[in-house]
Amino acid sequence: MLGSILLKPELAADIIAFNLQPEDFYLAAHRHIYRRVLDIALTSRPIDIVSVAEELQNHQELDVIGGYAYLSDLVYLAVPERKHVLYHSAIVMTKAKLRGIQVVGERAQAAAGAPGANPRQLGREVIGQIEIILTEKQSRATLPGERAAESSDD
């Protein structure tokens, strides 16, 4: 998806409308790249591999993500079709939801083992945190492909 934006910058508007956030990406390199794409978009500069590389360099992140070679690899692997970008955006969003729920579960597991843990209180807290995760992500723009990327258990 990121390579598609670098190859076909007009696709960035679709992803930005989807309200995907840098923290929704699993890989730190992708979070850095997407954050710089957003920075460029906010200043109405052209989004391409050169401007993204320059923005990463300005923030001392180019080497962190793997340099020009990594950006080039993203472009090489890109499928620059809108339907694919939207579908992959939905997958990123779904995986971000699941990672958020996983973190809540890990914290709940640790809290449950603490002396004096109250199961009702912990349960309410866990449910509340999961509802926040789902509501926050659900309140973002819904585009075609999100339902397909999520399981039917929603």
Protein backbone atom coordinates (compact mmCIF):
# COMPACT_ATOMS: atom_id res chain seq x y z
CA MET A 1 0.00 0.00 0.00
CA LEU A 2 2.78 2.48 0.86
CA GLY A 3 4.58 1.65 -2.36
CA SER A 4 1.37 2.27 -4.26
CA ILE A 5 1.19 5.77 -2.78
CA LEU A 6 4.77 6.45 -3.84
CA LEU A 7 4.06 5.12 -7.32
CA LYS A 8 0.64 6.70 -7.73
CA PRO A 9 0.37 9.67 -5.31
CA GLU A 10 -3.31 10.35 -6.04
CA LEU A 11 -4.06 7.19 -4.03
CA ALA A 12 -2.83 8.96 -0.90
CA ALA A 13 -6.08 10.93 -0.69
CA ASP A 14 -8.08 7.69 -0.44
CA ILE A 15 -5.94 6.40 2.41
CA ILE A 16 -5.97 9.73 4.21
CA ALA A 17 -9.79 9.78 3.89
CA PHE A 18 -9.78 6.32 5.46
CA ASN A 19 -8.15 8.04 8.45
CA LEU A 20 -5.43 5.48 8.78
CA GLN A 21 -2.92 6.56 11.43
CA PRO A 22 0.83 5.86 11.53
CA GLU A 23 0.39 3.78 14.71
CA ASP A 24 -1.98 1.47 12.81
CA PHE A 25 1.03 0.02 10.97
CA TYR A 26 2.81 -2.91 12.57
CA LEU A 27 6.31 -2.21 11.26
CA ALA A 28 8.11 0.84 12.63
CA ALA A 29 9.50 1.57 9.16
CA HIS A 30 5.96 1.77 7.78
CA ARG A 31 4.87 4.03 10.64
CA HIS A 32 7.75 6.41 9.85
CA ILE A 33 7.04 6.38 6.12
CA TYR A 34 3.30 6.93 6.50
CA ARG A 35 3.83 9.72 9.05
CA ARG A 36 6.03 11.53 6.50
CA VAL A 37 3.48 10.94 3.73
CA LEU A 38 0.89 12.65 5.96
CA ASP A 39 3.29 15.52 6.68
CA ILE A 40 3.85 16.03 2.96
CA ALA A 41 0.14 15.83 2.19
CA LEU A 42 -0.68 18.43 4.87
CA THR A 43 1.68 20.91 3.20
CA SER A 44 0.26 20.19 -0.28
CA ARG A 45 3.63 19.12 -1.62
CA PRO A 46 3.83 16.33 -4.19
CA ILE A 47 4.05 12.86 -2.70
CA ASP A 48 6.66 10.73 -4.41
CA ILE A 49 9.67 8.65 -3.51
CA VAL A 50 12.00 11.67 -3.63
CA SER A 51 9.89 13.89 -1.36
CA VAL A 52 9.24 11.07 1.11
CA ALA A 53 12.96 10.21 1.21
CA GLU A 54 13.80 13.88 1.77
CA GLU A 55 11.22 14.18 4.56
CA LEU A 56 12.54 11.01 6.21
CA GLN A 57 16.09 12.37 5.92
CA ASN A 58 15.03 15.68 7.48
CA HIS A 59 13.74 13.74 10.50
CA GLN A 60 16.79 11.42 10.67
CA GLU A 61 14.57 8.45 9.79
CA LEU A 62 15.80 7.48 6.33
CA ASP A 63 18.51 5.14 7.63
CA VAL A 64 16.14 3.83 10.32
CA ILE A 65 13.67 2.57 7.68
CA GLY A 66 16.37 0.97 5.54
CA GLY A 67 17.28 3.87 3.27
CA TYR A 68 16.44 4.52 -0.35
CA ALA A 69 16.66 0.80 -1.06
CA TYR A 70 13.70 0.06 1.22
CA LEU A 71 11.59 2.78 -0.39
CA SER A 72 12.53 1.44 -3.81
CA ASP A 73 11.51 -2.06 -2.76
CA LEU A 74 8.11 -0.74 -1.66
CA VAL A 75 7.60 0.85 -5.06
CA TYR A 76 8.80 -2.29 -6.86
CA LEU A 77 6.25 -4.43 -4.98
CA ALA A 78 3.40 -1.93 -5.35
CA VAL A 79 0.03 -2.70 -6.91
CA PRO A 80 -1.17 0.79 -7.86
CA GLU A 81 -4.88 0.11 -8.15
CA ARG A 82 -7.36 1.93 -5.92
CA LYS A 83 -9.36 -1.18 -4.98
CA HIS A 84 -6.20 -2.95 -3.79
CA VAL A 85 -5.02 0.05 -1.79
CA LEU A 86 -8.41 0.36 -0.08
CA TYR A 87 -8.50 -3.35 0.66
CA HIS A 88 -4.99 -3.26 2.12
CA SER A 89 -5.89 -0.17 4.17
CA ALA A 90 -8.77 -2.16 5.66
CA ILE A 91 -6.41 -5.00 6.51
CA VAL A 92 -4.04 -2.59 8.27
CA MET A 93 -6.97 -1.15 10.24
CA THR A 94 -8.26 -4.61 11.21
CA LYS A 95 -4.82 -5.77 12.33
CA ALA A 96 -4.42 -2.56 14.37
CA LYS A 97 -7.71 -3.34 16.15
CA LEU A 98 -6.56 -6.87 16.90
CA ARG A 99 -3.19 -5.69 18.22
CA GLY A 100 -4.99 -3.21 20.47
CA ILE A 101 -7.24 -5.97 21.82
CA GLN A 102 -4.19 -8.18 22.33
CA VAL A 103 -2.51 -5.46 24.43
CA VAL A 104 -5.67 -5.11 26.55
CA GLY A 105 -5.69 -8.88 27.05
CA GLU A 106 -2.04 -8.96 28.09
CA ARG A 107 -2.60 -6.15 30.59
CA ALA A 108 -5.71 -7.89 31.91
CA GLN A 109 -3.77 -11.11 32.36
CA ALA A 110 -1.13 -9.29 34.40
CA ALA A 111 -3.78 -7.46 36.46
CA ALA A 112 -5.69 -10.70 37.12
CA GLY A 113 -2.61 -12.18 38.74
CA ALA A 114 -2.17 -9.25 41.12
CA PRO A 115 -3.09 -9.75 44.79
CA GLY A 116 -6.61 -8.54 45.54
CA ALA A 117 -7.68 -8.37 41.89
CA ASN A 118 -11.41 -7.79 41.54
CA PRO A 119 -12.83 -9.83 38.64
CA ARG A 120 -15.91 -7.63 38.12
CA GLN A 121 -13.91 -4.41 38.10
CA LEU A 122 -11.23 -5.89 35.84
CA GLY A 123 -13.89 -7.26 33.49
CA ARG A 124 -15.58 -3.85 33.24
CA GLU A 125 -12.23 -2.17 32.56
CA VAL A 126 -11.32 -4.69 29.87
CA ILE A 127 -14.71 -4.37 28.16
CA GLY A 128 -14.45 -0.57 28.30
CA GLN A 129 -10.97 -0.56 26.80
CA ILE A 130 -11.98 -2.92 24.00
CA GLU A 131 -15.05 -0.82 23.23
CA ILE A 132 -12.82 2.26 22.96
CA ILE A 133 -10.52 0.44 20.53
CA LEU A 134 -13.40 -0.72 18.37
CA THR A 135 -15.29 2.57 18.53
CA GLU A 136 -12.25 4.65 17.68
CA LYS A 137 -11.42 2.49 14.69
CA GLN A 138 -15.08 2.18 13.64
CA SER A 139 -15.56 5.96 13.73
CA ARG A 140 -13.03 6.34 10.97
CA ALA A 141 -14.20 6.43 7.40
CA THR A 142 -15.45 3.06 6.18
CA LEU A 143 -14.37 2.19 2.69
CA PRO A 144 -15.04 -0.83 0.51
CA GLY A 145 -12.94 -3.79 1.60
CA GLU A 146 -13.07 -3.25 5.37
CA ARG A 147 -15.81 -5.82 5.85
CA ALA A 148 -13.94 -8.27 3.67
CA ALA A 149 -10.78 -7.81 5.70
CA GLU A 150 -12.53 -8.38 9.03
CA SER A 151 -13.87 -11.67 10.19
CA SER A 152 -17.59 -12.35 10.08
CA ASP A 153 -17.64 -12.43 13.91
CA ASP A 154 -17.93 -8.62 14.14
